[in-house]
C-alpha atoms as a PDB file:
ATOM      1  CA  MET A   1      -8.983  20.759   4.021  1.00  0.00           C
ATOM      2  CA  LEU A   2     -10.964  18.540   2.550  1.00  0.00           C
ATOM      3  CA  TYR A   3      -9.746  14.842   1.269  1.00  0.00           C
ATOM      4  CA  LYS A   4     -11.915  13.377  -0.967  1.00  0.00           C
ATOM      5  CA  LEU A   5     -11.902   9.083  -0.458  1.00  0.00           C
ATOM      6  CA  PRO A   6     -11.685   6.622  -3.913  1.00  0.00           C
ATOM      7  CA  ASP A   7     -15.095   5.956  -2.787  1.00  0.00           C
ATOM      8  CA  GLY A   8     -16.103   9.710  -2.959  1.00  0.00           C
ATOM      9  CA  ARG A   9     -16.553  10.159   0.788  1.00  0.00           C
ATOM     10  CA  GLU A  10     -14.808  13.311   1.998  1.00  0.00           C
ATOM     11  CA  ILE A  11     -12.984  13.946   5.222  1.00  0.00           C
ATOM     12  CA  VAL A  12     -11.859  16.685   6.707  1.00  0.00           C
ATOM     13  CA  LEU A  13      -7.993  16.349   7.575  1.00  0.00           C
ATOM     14  CA  GLU A  14      -7.932  18.886  10.559  1.00  0.00           C
ATOM     15  CA  ASP A  15     -10.010  16.305  12.640  1.00  0.00           C
ATOM     16  CA  VAL A  16      -8.476  13.287  11.938  1.00  0.00           C
ATOM     17  CA  VAL A  17      -6.442  12.025  14.707  1.00  0.00           C
ATOM     18  CA  ARG A  18      -4.578   8.954  13.549  1.00  0.00           C
ATOM     19  CA  VAL A  19      -3.921   6.674  10.415  1.00  0.00           C
ATOM     20  CA  SER A  20      -3.133   3.545  10.206  1.00  0.00           C
ATOM     21  CA  LYS A  21      -0.795   1.587   7.802  1.00  0.00           C
ATOM     22  CA  VAL A  22      -2.098  -0.702   5.274  1.00  0.00           C
ATOM     23  CA  ARG A  23      -3.242  -4.464   6.499  1.00  0.00           C
ATOM     24  CA  ASP A  24      -4.192  -7.148   5.380  1.00  0.00           C
ATOM     25  CA  MET A  25      -7.276  -8.440   7.207  1.00  0.00           C
ATOM     26  CA  GLY A  26      -8.057 -12.022   5.328  1.00  0.00           C
ATOM     27  CA  GLU A  27     -10.390 -13.561   3.983  1.00  0.00           C
ATOM     28  CA  ASP A  28     -13.113 -11.206   3.813  1.00  0.00           C
ATOM     29  CA  ASP A  29     -16.616 -12.350   5.215  1.00  0.00           C
ATOM     30  CA  ARG A  30     -18.812 -10.647   2.887  1.00  0.00           C
ATOM     31  CA  SER A  31     -17.638 -12.610  -0.259  1.00  0.00           C
ATOM     32  CA  ILE A  32     -16.509 -16.048  -1.216  1.00  0.00           C
ATOM     33  CA  GLU A  33     -12.936 -16.466  -2.283  1.00  0.00           C
ATOM     34  CA  MET A  34     -12.039 -12.510  -1.525  1.00  0.00           C
ATOM     35  CA  SER A  35     -10.012 -11.717   0.861  1.00  0.00           C
ATOM     36  CA  LYS A  36      -9.358  -7.673   2.931  1.00  0.00           C
ATOM     37  CA  LEU A  37      -6.861  -5.154   2.694  1.00  0.00           C
ATOM     38  CA  SER A  38      -7.483  -1.964   4.538  1.00  0.00           C
ATOM     39  CA  PHE A  39      -6.321   1.172   6.949  1.00  0.00           C
ATOM     40  CA  THR A  40      -8.135   3.294   8.724  1.00  0.00           C
ATOM     41  CA  ILE A  41      -8.553   7.106   9.481  1.00  0.00           C
ATOM     42  CA  TYR A  42      -9.169   8.113  13.292  1.00  0.00           C
ATOM     43  CA  ILE A  43     -11.082  11.157  13.900  1.00  0.00           C
ATOM     44  CA  GLY A  44     -11.947  12.655  17.057  1.00  0.00           C
ATOM     45  CA  GLN A  45     -12.036  10.200  20.041  1.00  0.00           C
ATOM     46  CA  GLU A  46     -14.817   7.751  18.931  1.00  0.00           C
ATOM     47  CA  GLU A  47     -15.199   8.206  14.974  1.00  0.00           C
ATOM     48  CA  THR A  48     -13.345   5.876  12.455  1.00  0.00           C
ATOM     49  CA  ILE A  49     -13.346   4.937   8.949  1.00  0.00           C
ATOM     50  CA  GLU A  50     -12.402   2.249   7.080  1.00  0.00           C
ATOM     51  CA  VAL A  51     -10.507   2.364   3.788  1.00  0.00           C
ATOM     52  CA  SER A  52     -10.775  -1.014   1.842  1.00  0.00           C
ATOM     53  CA  GLU A  53      -9.408  -3.264  -1.130  1.00  0.00           C
ATOM     54  CA  GLN A  54     -11.399  -6.634  -1.729  1.00  0.00           C
ATOM     55  CA  TYR A  55      -8.832  -8.804  -4.244  1.00  0.00           C
ATOM     56  CA  HIS A  56      -8.470 -11.997  -5.086  1.00  0.00           C
ATOM     57  CA  PHE A  57      -4.948 -13.684  -4.619  1.00  0.00           C
ATOM     58  CA  ALA A  58      -3.943 -13.408  -8.069  1.00  0.00           C
ATOM     59  CA  ASP A  59      -4.557  -9.165  -7.944  1.00  0.00           C
ATOM     60  CA  TRP A  60      -2.894  -8.707  -4.095  1.00  0.00           C
ATOM     61  CA  VAL A  61       0.124  -6.575  -5.401  1.00  0.00           C
ATOM     62  CA  ASP A  62      -1.587  -4.394  -7.293  1.00  0.00           C
ATOM     63  CA  LYS A  63      -4.842  -3.471  -4.343  1.00  0.00           C
ATOM     64  CA  LYS A  64      -1.594  -3.335  -1.718  1.00  0.00           C
ATOM     65  CA  LYS A  65       0.077  -0.483  -4.099  1.00  0.00           C
ATOM     66  CA  LYS A  66      -3.252   0.974  -4.588  1.00  0.00           C
ATOM     67  CA  LEU A  67      -4.509   1.131  -0.898  1.00  0.00           C
ATOM     68  CA  ASP A  68      -0.420   2.155   0.107  1.00  0.00           C
ATOM     69  CA  LEU A  69      -0.943   5.349  -2.053  1.00  0.00           C
ATOM     70  CA  VAL A  70      -4.060   6.441  -0.989  1.00  0.00           C
ATOM     71  CA  GLN A  71      -3.013   6.169   2.594  1.00  0.00           C
ATOM     72  CA  HIS A  72       0.375   7.730   2.007  1.00  0.00           C
ATOM     73  CA  ASP A  73      -1.126  10.821   0.222  1.00  0.00           C
ATOM     74  CA  LEU A  74      -3.747  10.525   2.644  1.00  0.00           C
ATOM     75  CA  VAL A  75      -1.090  11.105   5.549  1.00  0.00           C
ATOM     76  CA  HIS A  76       0.693  14.089   3.399  1.00  0.00           C
ATOM     77  CA  LYS A  77      -2.027  16.246   2.963  1.00  0.00           C
ATOM     78  CA  TRP A  78      -3.211  15.873   6.704  1.00  0.00           C
ATOM     79  CA  LYS A  79       0.510  16.528   7.952  1.00  0.00           C
ATOM     80  CA  LEU A  80       0.482  19.837   5.373  1.00  0.00           C
ATOM     81  CA  ALA A  81      -3.028  20.438   6.779  1.00  0.00           C
ATOM     82  CA  ILE A  82      -2.363  20.917  10.602  1.00  0.00           C
ATOM     83  CA  GLY A  83       0.846  22.731   9.728  1.00  0.00           C
ATOM     84  CA  GLU A  84       3.460  19.253  10.108  1.00  0.00           C
ATOM     85  CA  ALA A  85       6.295  19.208   8.017  1.00  0.00           C
ATOM     86  CA  GLY A  86       8.625  16.497   6.462  1.00  0.00           C
ATOM     87  CA  ASP A  87       8.269  13.066   7.377  1.00  0.00           C
ATOM     88  CA  SER A  88       4.909  11.306   6.034  1.00  0.00           C
ATOM     89  CA  SER A  89       5.246   8.506   8.011  1.00  0.00           C
ATOM     90  CA  VAL A  90       1.860   7.074  10.373  1.00  0.00           C
END
């Protein structure tokens, strides 16, 4: 089953091995005064996909909620795809 990430990338849920929790990665080296929240999708033994949101300190809460929703939805649909019912924790 395909899952479409907010940035348009698609992943095959049955290939996912693990999904990390959302983490605050601190200041983003690619931007001035912006920081980054992210979680990682592990596919197979070596492939990883990072899903992230840049934020300014004033909009941390909104960005965190948004990324948490994406992560929880992904985990829920991943568990359904692999036939695992119940808890959607990571």
